[in-house]
Protein backbone atom coordinates (compact mmCIF):
# COMPACT_ATOMS: atom_id res chain seq x y z
CA UNK A 1 40.80 3.41 43.48
CA UNK A 2 42.41 2.71 40.10
CA UNK A 3 42.96 -0.95 39.21
CA UNK A 4 46.40 -2.22 40.11
CA UNK A 5 46.93 0.25 42.95
CA UNK A 6 46.88 -0.04 46.72
CA UNK A 7 46.37 2.59 49.39
CA UNK A 8 49.45 4.72 49.87
CA UNK A 9 50.30 4.52 46.18
CA UNK A 10 51.88 1.06 46.38
CA UNK A 11 51.10 -1.10 43.34
CA UNK A 12 49.00 -4.20 43.95
CA UNK A 13 51.20 -7.12 42.89
CA UNK A 14 49.12 -9.85 44.52
CA UNK A 15 47.64 -11.17 41.26
CA UNK A 16 50.79 -10.99 39.15
CA UNK A 17 52.56 -14.10 37.85
CA UNK A 18 55.69 -15.36 39.57
CA UNK A 19 57.89 -14.67 36.54
CA UNK A 20 56.76 -11.03 36.42
CA UNK A 21 57.27 -10.62 40.15
CA UNK A 22 60.80 -12.01 40.27
CA UNK A 23 61.70 -9.85 37.29
CA UNK A 24 60.42 -6.75 39.09
CA UNK A 25 62.11 -7.82 42.31
CA UNK A 26 65.42 -8.11 40.48
CA UNK A 27 64.91 -4.53 39.35
CA UNK A 28 64.51 -3.39 42.94
CA UNK A 29 60.75 -3.64 43.47
CA UNK A 30 60.51 -4.55 47.17
CA UNK A 31 56.75 -5.11 47.00
CA UNK A 32 57.18 -7.77 44.31
CA UNK A 33 59.61 -9.65 46.55
CA UNK A 34 57.20 -9.34 49.47
CA UNK A 35 54.44 -10.98 47.44
CA UNK A 36 56.71 -13.88 46.47
CA UNK A 37 57.74 -14.25 50.10
CA UNK A 38 54.11 -14.37 51.20
CA UNK A 39 53.36 -17.01 48.57
CA UNK A 40 56.26 -19.35 49.15
CA UNK A 41 57.99 -18.69 52.49
CA UNK A 42 56.05 -21.47 54.21
CA UNK A 43 56.94 -23.93 51.46
CA UNK A 44 60.62 -22.96 51.46
CA UNK A 45 60.82 -23.23 55.25
CA UNK A 46 59.21 -26.68 55.25
CA UNK A 47 61.47 -27.86 52.42
CA UNK A 48 64.59 -26.62 54.23
CA UNK A 49 63.46 -28.18 57.50
CA UNK A 50 63.06 -31.57 55.82
CA UNK A 51 66.74 -31.47 54.87
CA UNK A 52 68.48 -29.85 57.84
CA UNK A 53 66.19 -31.05 60.64
CA UNK A 54 66.73 -27.85 62.63
CA UNK A 55 64.05 -25.13 62.87
CA UNK A 56 66.46 -22.31 63.69
CA UNK A 57 68.73 -23.21 60.79
CA UNK A 58 65.71 -23.59 58.49
CA UNK A 59 64.60 -20.06 59.46
CA UNK A 60 68.06 -18.71 58.59
CA UNK A 61 68.01 -20.54 55.29
CA UNK A 62 64.57 -19.12 54.49
CA UNK A 63 65.93 -15.58 54.68
CA UNK A 64 69.07 -16.46 52.74
CA UNK A 65 67.11 -18.22 49.99
CA UNK A 66 64.95 -15.19 49.28
CA UNK A 67 67.96 -12.90 49.43
CA UNK A 68 69.73 -15.08 46.85
CA UNK A 69 66.58 -15.29 44.72
CA UNK A 70 66.40 -11.50 44.73
CA UNK A 71 70.07 -11.16 43.75
CA UNK A 72 69.80 -13.85 41.05
CA UNK A 73 66.28 -13.03 39.90
CA UNK A 74 67.40 -11.77 36.52
CA UNK A 75 68.74 -15.25 35.73
CA UNK A 76 65.36 -16.94 36.19
CA UNK A 77 63.66 -18.10 33.01
CA UNK A 78 60.12 -19.51 32.98
CA UNK A 79 61.06 -21.56 29.91
CA UNK A 80 63.34 -23.74 32.04
CA UNK A 81 60.76 -24.50 34.73
CA UNK A 82 58.40 -23.05 37.28
CA UNK A 83 59.50 -20.37 39.72
CA UNK A 84 58.85 -22.59 42.74
CA UNK A 85 61.02 -25.35 41.27
CA UNK A 86 63.82 -22.83 40.76
CA UNK A 87 63.34 -21.48 44.27
CA UNK A 88 63.37 -24.92 45.86
CA UNK A 89 66.48 -25.87 43.89
CA UNK A 90 68.22 -22.90 45.52
CA UNK A 91 66.82 -24.02 48.88
CA UNK A 92 68.01 -27.58 48.43
CA UNK A 93 71.52 -26.60 47.38
CA UNK A 94 71.92 -24.17 50.28
CA UNK A 95 70.49 -26.66 52.78
CA UNK A 96 72.83 -29.43 51.61
CA UNK A 97 75.77 -27.02 51.91
CA UNK A 98 74.79 -26.30 55.52
CA UNK A 99 74.39 -30.00 56.30
CA UNK A 100 77.84 -30.72 54.90
CA UNK A 101 79.35 -27.87 56.92
CA UNK A 102 77.97 -29.46 60.06
CA UNK A 103 79.22 -32.88 58.99
CA UNK A 104 75.72 -34.29 59.00
CA UNK A 105 73.85 -35.96 56.18
CA UNK A 106 70.14 -35.97 55.35
CA UNK A 107 68.44 -39.30 55.96
CA UNK A 108 69.03 -41.64 53.06
CA UNK A 109 66.98 -44.58 51.85
CA UNK A 110 69.86 -46.78 50.78
CA UNK A 111 68.93 -49.63 53.08
CA UNK A 112 65.26 -49.82 52.15
CA UNK A 113 63.53 -51.89 49.52
CA UNK A 114 62.98 -49.91 46.29
CA UNK A 115 59.20 -50.10 46.39
CA UNK A 116 59.22 -48.83 49.98
CA UNK A 117 61.33 -45.83 49.01
CA UNK A 118 59.19 -45.02 46.00
CA UNK A 119 55.91 -45.51 47.84
CA UNK A 120 57.09 -43.03 50.48
CA UNK A 121 57.95 -40.54 47.75
CA UNK A 122 54.53 -40.93 46.18
CA UNK A 123 52.58 -40.14 49.36
CA UNK A 124 50.66 -36.89 48.93
CA UNK A 125 50.06 -34.89 52.09
CA UNK A 126 47.25 -32.42 52.59
CA UNK A 127 49.49 -29.36 52.74
CA UNK A 128 50.90 -27.29 49.91
CA UNK A 129 54.41 -28.10 51.12
CA UNK A 130 53.91 -31.79 50.41
CA UNK A 131 52.36 -31.08 47.02
CA UNK A 132 55.29 -28.89 45.99
CA UNK A 133 57.81 -31.40 47.36
CA UNK A 134 56.28 -34.21 45.33
CA UNK A 135 56.10 -31.99 42.22
CA UNK A 136 59.78 -31.08 42.39
CA UNK A 137 60.74 -34.67 43.12
CA UNK A 138 58.73 -35.88 40.13
CA UNK A 139 60.50 -33.43 37.82
CA UNK A 140 63.91 -34.48 39.08
CA UNK A 141 63.18 -38.19 38.93
CA UNK A 142 61.65 -37.94 35.47
CA UNK A 143 64.91 -36.53 34.16
CA UNK A 144 66.93 -39.26 35.84
CA UNK A 145 64.55 -41.98 34.66
CA UNK A 146 65.20 -40.97 31.07
CA UNK A 147 68.80 -42.10 31.49
CA UNK A 148 67.90 -45.68 32.47
CA UNK A 149 67.63 -48.71 30.17
CA UNK A 150 64.00 -49.29 29.18
CA UNK A 151 63.43 -52.47 31.28
CA UNK A 152 64.73 -50.78 34.43
CA UNK A 153 62.81 -47.60 33.76
CA UNK A 154 59.58 -49.52 33.10
CA UNK A 155 59.81 -51.40 36.40
CA UNK A 156 60.57 -48.27 38.41
CA UNK A 157 57.81 -46.27 36.71
CA UNK A 158 55.29 -48.97 37.63
CA UNK A 159 56.43 -48.73 41.25
CA UNK A 160 56.71 -44.93 41.43
CA UNK A 161 53.75 -43.78 39.34
CA UNK A 162 51.35 -46.67 39.97
CA UNK A 163 52.46 -47.83 43.40
CA UNK A 164 52.86 -51.50 42.44
CA UNK A 165 54.92 -53.92 44.52
CA UNK A 166 57.71 -55.93 42.93
CA UNK A 167 55.47 -59.01 42.82
CA UNK A 168 52.69 -57.04 41.11
CA UNK A 169 55.19 -55.63 38.61
CA UNK A 170 56.41 -59.14 37.80
CA UNK A 171 52.83 -60.25 37.17
CA UNK A 172 52.11 -57.17 35.04
CA UNK A 173 55.21 -57.67 32.88
CA UNK A 174 55.10 -61.47 32.82
CA UNK A 175 58.66 -61.60 34.15
CA UNK A 176 60.19 -63.69 36.97
CA UNK A 177 60.16 -61.92 40.33
CA UNK A 178 63.94 -62.25 40.59
CA UNK A 179 64.38 -60.46 37.27
CA UNK A 180 62.19 -57.58 38.41
CA UNK A 181 64.07 -57.32 41.71
CA UNK A 182 67.38 -57.14 39.85
CA UNK A 183 66.06 -54.45 37.49
CA UNK A 184 64.72 -52.44 40.39
CA UNK A 185 67.96 -52.70 42.35
CA UNK A 186 70.13 -51.70 39.40
CA UNK A 187 67.72 -48.97 38.36
CA UNK A 188 67.58 -47.49 41.86
CA UNK A 189 71.36 -47.53 42.08
CA UNK A 190 71.63 -45.66 38.78
CA UNK A 191 68.92 -43.23 39.88
CA UNK A 192 70.82 -42.40 43.05
CA UNK A 193 73.99 -41.82 41.03
CA UNK A 194 72.15 -39.59 38.57
CA UNK A 195 70.40 -37.59 41.28
CA UNK A 196 73.60 -37.18 43.28
CA UNK A 197 75.25 -35.80 40.17
CA UNK A 198 72.51 -33.19 39.96
CA UNK A 199 72.84 -32.20 43.64
CA UNK A 200 69.61 -34.02 44.50
CA UNK A 201 69.28 -36.94 46.88
CA UNK A 202 66.60 -39.48 47.68
CA UNK A 203 65.68 -38.18 51.15
């Protein structure tokens, strides 16, 4: 059988890059969309479920997300980020819309200590869903961190990327613990404001 072909004359898209596949899908190639669905449907479902907390609704969102990705596929650009990040951004926005329609909110971490919130974000599960979740969250937080004053950013980066407690951060920086706590509190507040402005939340 010629390379790149499947039985029945259907092209074998299984090894093609995401950017090529979404481009072909946007042009009407159903097989290309099927391959993307096979690759990422489990991740999208898990991501949606984290936000809406309802399996039936998450299933509905899964179908809607891929339908929207197909309709908007021509707008995707690999230069602006990975396909899965783009896909999960669509998922997040649609899930938040559904939550708001039902007058519910995703769980927030406003009442927790900053290092507890960040430590929870840094946990890496064994599944691909957790790896993708953490990857997307890192990208989003990195952008928001760039907007913080250097002292606040430095303290939060030590907590988020290195998993240090506030006391350990104070020792590392040679600063009073109270100063570090204040920087963390102000930095986390600004992070939440920045993420909310970009339709992302600390969940």
